[in-house]
Amino acid sequence: MLIEKNTDLEKIIGKSYGEFIRNLKKREIRYFLWEERYWPEGTFEFIKKYSSRDFTELGIWNHPDTGQMILFLVM
């Protein structure tokens, strides 16, 4: 399976956790689905950096294609 690069996601993620938060809020994005296997390489490790003051976990699932998935509410 060929996975295409998601340049829109990479623009929203930006270069840092702080930039990611600013981009989500600027675009009024309320929900974010983190997928373990599809988080872009070369960016910060979201799952190690995120804070409960910025995100609330709404659900956690596992899937053979994506690995762990976590649905977040952007605070």
N, C-alpha and C. Protein backbone atom coordinates (compact mmCIF):
# COMPACT_ATOMS: atom_id res chain seq x y z
N MET A 1 0.85 -1.18 0.00
CA MET A 1 0.00 0.00 0.00
C MET A 1 0.89 1.24 0.00
N LEU A 2 0.67 2.14 -0.92
CA LEU A 2 1.43 3.39 -1.01
C LEU A 2 0.70 4.46 -0.22
N ILE A 3 1.40 5.09 0.68
CA ILE A 3 0.82 6.16 1.48
C ILE A 3 1.33 7.48 0.94
N GLU A 4 0.40 8.34 0.57
CA GLU A 4 0.78 9.64 0.04
C GLU A 4 1.01 10.61 1.19
N LYS A 5 1.92 11.51 0.98
CA LYS A 5 2.23 12.53 1.96
C LYS A 5 1.05 13.49 2.07
N ASN A 6 0.62 13.79 3.29
CA ASN A 6 -0.48 14.71 3.52
C ASN A 6 0.11 16.09 3.82
N THR A 7 0.27 16.90 2.79
CA THR A 7 0.91 18.19 2.97
C THR A 7 0.04 19.15 3.77
N ASP A 8 -1.27 19.04 3.69
CA ASP A 8 -2.14 19.89 4.50
C ASP A 8 -1.90 19.61 5.98
N LEU A 9 -1.81 18.35 6.36
CA LEU A 9 -1.55 18.00 7.75
C LEU A 9 -0.20 18.53 8.20
N GLU A 10 0.79 18.41 7.35
CA GLU A 10 2.12 18.89 7.71
C GLU A 10 2.15 20.41 7.88
N LYS A 11 1.35 21.13 7.09
CA LYS A 11 1.26 22.59 7.26
C LYS A 11 0.61 22.94 8.59
N ILE A 12 -0.41 22.19 8.97
CA ILE A 12 -1.10 22.44 10.24
C ILE A 12 -0.19 22.08 11.41
N ILE A 13 0.52 20.96 11.31
CA ILE A 13 1.41 20.55 12.39
C ILE A 13 2.50 21.59 12.61
N GLY A 14 3.07 22.08 11.53
CA GLY A 14 4.13 23.08 11.65
C GLY A 14 5.42 22.47 12.15
N LYS A 15 6.23 23.30 12.81
CA LYS A 15 7.56 22.87 13.23
C LYS A 15 7.66 22.56 14.72
N SER A 16 6.59 22.85 15.48
CA SER A 16 6.66 22.63 16.92
C SER A 16 5.26 22.41 17.49
N TYR A 17 5.23 21.95 18.72
CA TYR A 17 3.96 21.75 19.42
C TYR A 17 3.19 23.07 19.52
N GLY A 18 3.88 24.15 19.88
CA GLY A 18 3.23 25.45 20.01
C GLY A 18 2.63 25.93 18.70
N GLU A 19 3.36 25.73 17.62
CA GLU A 19 2.85 26.12 16.30
C GLU A 19 1.63 25.28 15.93
N PHE A 20 1.66 24.00 16.27
CA PHE A 20 0.53 23.11 16.01
C PHE A 20 -0.72 23.62 16.73
N ILE A 21 -0.59 23.96 18.00
CA ILE A 21 -1.73 24.47 18.77
C ILE A 21 -2.26 25.76 18.12
N ARG A 22 -1.36 26.67 17.80
CA ARG A 22 -1.78 27.95 17.17
C ARG A 22 -2.51 27.70 15.85
N ASN A 23 -1.99 26.78 15.03
CA ASN A 23 -2.61 26.48 13.74
C ASN A 23 -4.00 25.86 13.90
N LEU A 24 -4.15 24.96 14.87
CA LEU A 24 -5.47 24.37 15.11
C LEU A 24 -6.47 25.45 15.50
N LYS A 25 -6.09 26.31 16.42
CA LYS A 25 -7.00 27.36 16.90
C LYS A 25 -7.29 28.39 15.81
N LYS A 26 -6.27 28.75 15.03
CA LYS A 26 -6.46 29.72 13.94
C LYS A 26 -7.46 29.19 12.92
N ARG A 27 -7.43 27.89 12.66
CA ARG A 27 -8.34 27.27 11.69
C ARG A 27 -9.65 26.82 12.33
N GLU A 28 -9.80 27.08 13.62
CA GLU A 28 -11.00 26.70 14.38
C GLU A 28 -11.28 25.21 14.30
N ILE A 29 -10.21 24.41 14.37
CA ILE A 29 -10.33 22.95 14.38
C ILE A 29 -10.62 22.52 15.80
N ARG A 30 -11.74 21.87 16.02
CA ARG A 30 -12.17 21.49 17.37
C ARG A 30 -11.78 20.06 17.75
N TYR A 31 -11.61 19.20 16.74
CA TYR A 31 -11.29 17.79 17.01
C TYR A 31 -10.07 17.39 16.20
N PHE A 32 -9.29 16.48 16.78
CA PHE A 32 -8.07 16.02 16.13
C PHE A 32 -7.94 14.53 16.39
N LEU A 33 -7.78 13.75 15.31
CA LEU A 33 -7.59 12.30 15.43
C LEU A 33 -6.12 12.00 15.18
N TRP A 34 -5.44 11.58 16.25
CA TRP A 34 -4.03 11.19 16.14
C TRP A 34 -3.98 9.72 15.78
N GLU A 35 -3.20 9.40 14.74
CA GLU A 35 -3.02 8.02 14.30
C GLU A 35 -1.54 7.67 14.43
N GLU A 36 -1.27 6.67 15.21
CA GLU A 36 0.10 6.28 15.55
C GLU A 36 0.99 6.10 14.33
N ARG A 37 0.54 5.36 13.35
CA ARG A 37 1.40 5.04 12.20
C ARG A 37 1.43 6.13 11.13
N TYR A 38 0.57 7.11 11.22
CA TYR A 38 0.50 8.13 10.18
C TYR A 38 0.93 9.52 10.63
N TRP A 39 1.44 9.64 11.87
CA TRP A 39 1.99 10.93 12.29
C TRP A 39 3.27 11.15 11.49
N PRO A 40 3.40 12.30 10.83
CA PRO A 40 4.55 12.51 9.92
C PRO A 40 5.91 12.41 10.62
N GLU A 41 6.82 11.69 9.98
CA GLU A 41 8.19 11.60 10.48
C GLU A 41 8.87 12.95 10.37
N GLY A 42 9.79 13.20 11.26
CA GLY A 42 10.54 14.45 11.21
C GLY A 42 9.86 15.60 11.93
N THR A 43 8.69 15.34 12.52
CA THR A 43 8.02 16.36 13.32
C THR A 43 8.19 16.00 14.79
N PHE A 44 7.67 16.83 15.68
CA PHE A 44 7.76 16.53 17.11
C PHE A 44 6.89 15.31 17.45
N GLU A 45 7.17 14.68 18.57
CA GLU A 45 6.41 13.51 19.00
C GLU A 45 5.18 13.98 19.79
N PHE A 46 4.08 14.16 19.07
CA PHE A 46 2.87 14.70 19.66
C PHE A 46 2.46 13.94 20.92
N ILE A 47 2.45 12.63 20.85
CA ILE A 47 1.92 11.82 21.95
C ILE A 47 2.74 11.99 23.23
N LYS A 48 4.00 12.39 23.10
CA LYS A 48 4.83 12.61 24.29
C LYS A 48 4.75 14.05 24.77
N LYS A 49 4.32 14.96 23.91
CA LYS A 49 4.34 16.39 24.24
C LYS A 49 2.98 16.96 24.64
N TYR A 50 1.88 16.34 24.22
CA TYR A 50 0.59 17.00 24.40
C TYR A 50 0.24 17.17 25.88
N SER A 51 -0.51 18.22 26.13
CA SER A 51 -0.89 18.58 27.49
C SER A 51 -2.41 18.57 27.63
N SER A 52 -2.89 18.18 28.80
CA SER A 52 -4.34 18.16 29.05
C SER A 52 -4.93 19.57 29.07
N ARG A 53 -4.10 20.59 29.17
CA ARG A 53 -4.65 21.96 29.09
C ARG A 53 -4.96 22.34 27.65
N ASP A 54 -4.37 21.60 26.68
CA ASP A 54 -4.60 21.87 25.26
C ASP A 54 -5.56 20.89 24.61
N PHE A 55 -5.61 19.65 25.11
CA PHE A 55 -6.41 18.59 24.50
C PHE A 55 -7.09 17.75 25.58
N THR A 56 -8.29 17.26 25.27
CA THR A 56 -8.98 16.28 26.10
C THR A 56 -9.18 15.02 25.27
N GLU A 57 -8.76 13.87 25.81
CA GLU A 57 -8.96 12.59 25.11
C GLU A 57 -10.43 12.22 25.16
N LEU A 58 -11.02 11.94 24.00
CA LEU A 58 -12.42 11.55 23.93
C LEU A 58 -12.59 10.05 23.70
N GLY A 59 -11.60 9.41 23.10
CA GLY A 59 -11.68 7.98 22.85
C GLY A 59 -10.36 7.44 22.34
N ILE A 60 -10.12 6.17 22.63
CA ILE A 60 -8.89 5.50 22.18
C ILE A 60 -9.28 4.17 21.54
N TRP A 61 -8.74 3.93 20.34
CA TRP A 61 -9.01 2.71 19.61
C TRP A 61 -7.72 2.17 19.02
N ASN A 62 -7.74 0.92 18.63
CA ASN A 62 -6.62 0.30 17.91
C ASN A 62 -7.14 -0.29 16.62
N HIS A 63 -6.33 -0.19 15.58
CA HIS A 63 -6.70 -0.75 14.29
C HIS A 63 -5.42 -1.29 13.65
N PRO A 64 -5.51 -2.42 12.95
CA PRO A 64 -4.31 -3.01 12.36
C PRO A 64 -3.61 -2.11 11.34
N ASP A 65 -4.33 -1.23 10.67
CA ASP A 65 -3.72 -0.36 9.67
C ASP A 65 -3.08 0.89 10.26
N THR A 66 -3.68 1.44 11.29
CA THR A 66 -3.22 2.73 11.83
C THR A 66 -2.51 2.62 13.16
N GLY A 67 -2.61 1.47 13.81
CA GLY A 67 -2.11 1.35 15.17
C GLY A 67 -3.09 2.03 16.12
N GLN A 68 -2.58 2.62 17.15
CA GLN A 68 -3.44 3.30 18.11
C GLN A 68 -3.97 4.59 17.50
N MET A 69 -5.25 4.88 17.77
CA MET A 69 -5.87 6.13 17.35
C MET A 69 -6.47 6.77 18.59
N ILE A 70 -6.29 8.07 18.72
CA ILE A 70 -6.85 8.80 19.85
C ILE A 70 -7.58 10.02 19.31
N LEU A 71 -8.85 10.15 19.66
CA LEU A 71 -9.63 11.32 19.29
C LEU A 71 -9.52 12.35 20.41
N PHE A 72 -9.11 13.56 20.05
CA PHE A 72 -8.92 14.64 21.00
C PHE A 72 -9.89 15.78 20.72
N LEU A 73 -10.35 16.42 21.77
CA LEU A 73 -11.03 17.70 21.69
C LEU A 73 -9.99 18.76 21.91
N VAL A 74 -9.93 19.74 21.02
CA VAL A 74 -8.97 20.85 21.18
C VAL A 74 -9.59 21.84 22.15
N MET A 75 -8.87 22.14 23.21
CA MET A 75 -9.39 23.04 24.26
C MET A 75 -9.27 24.49 23.84
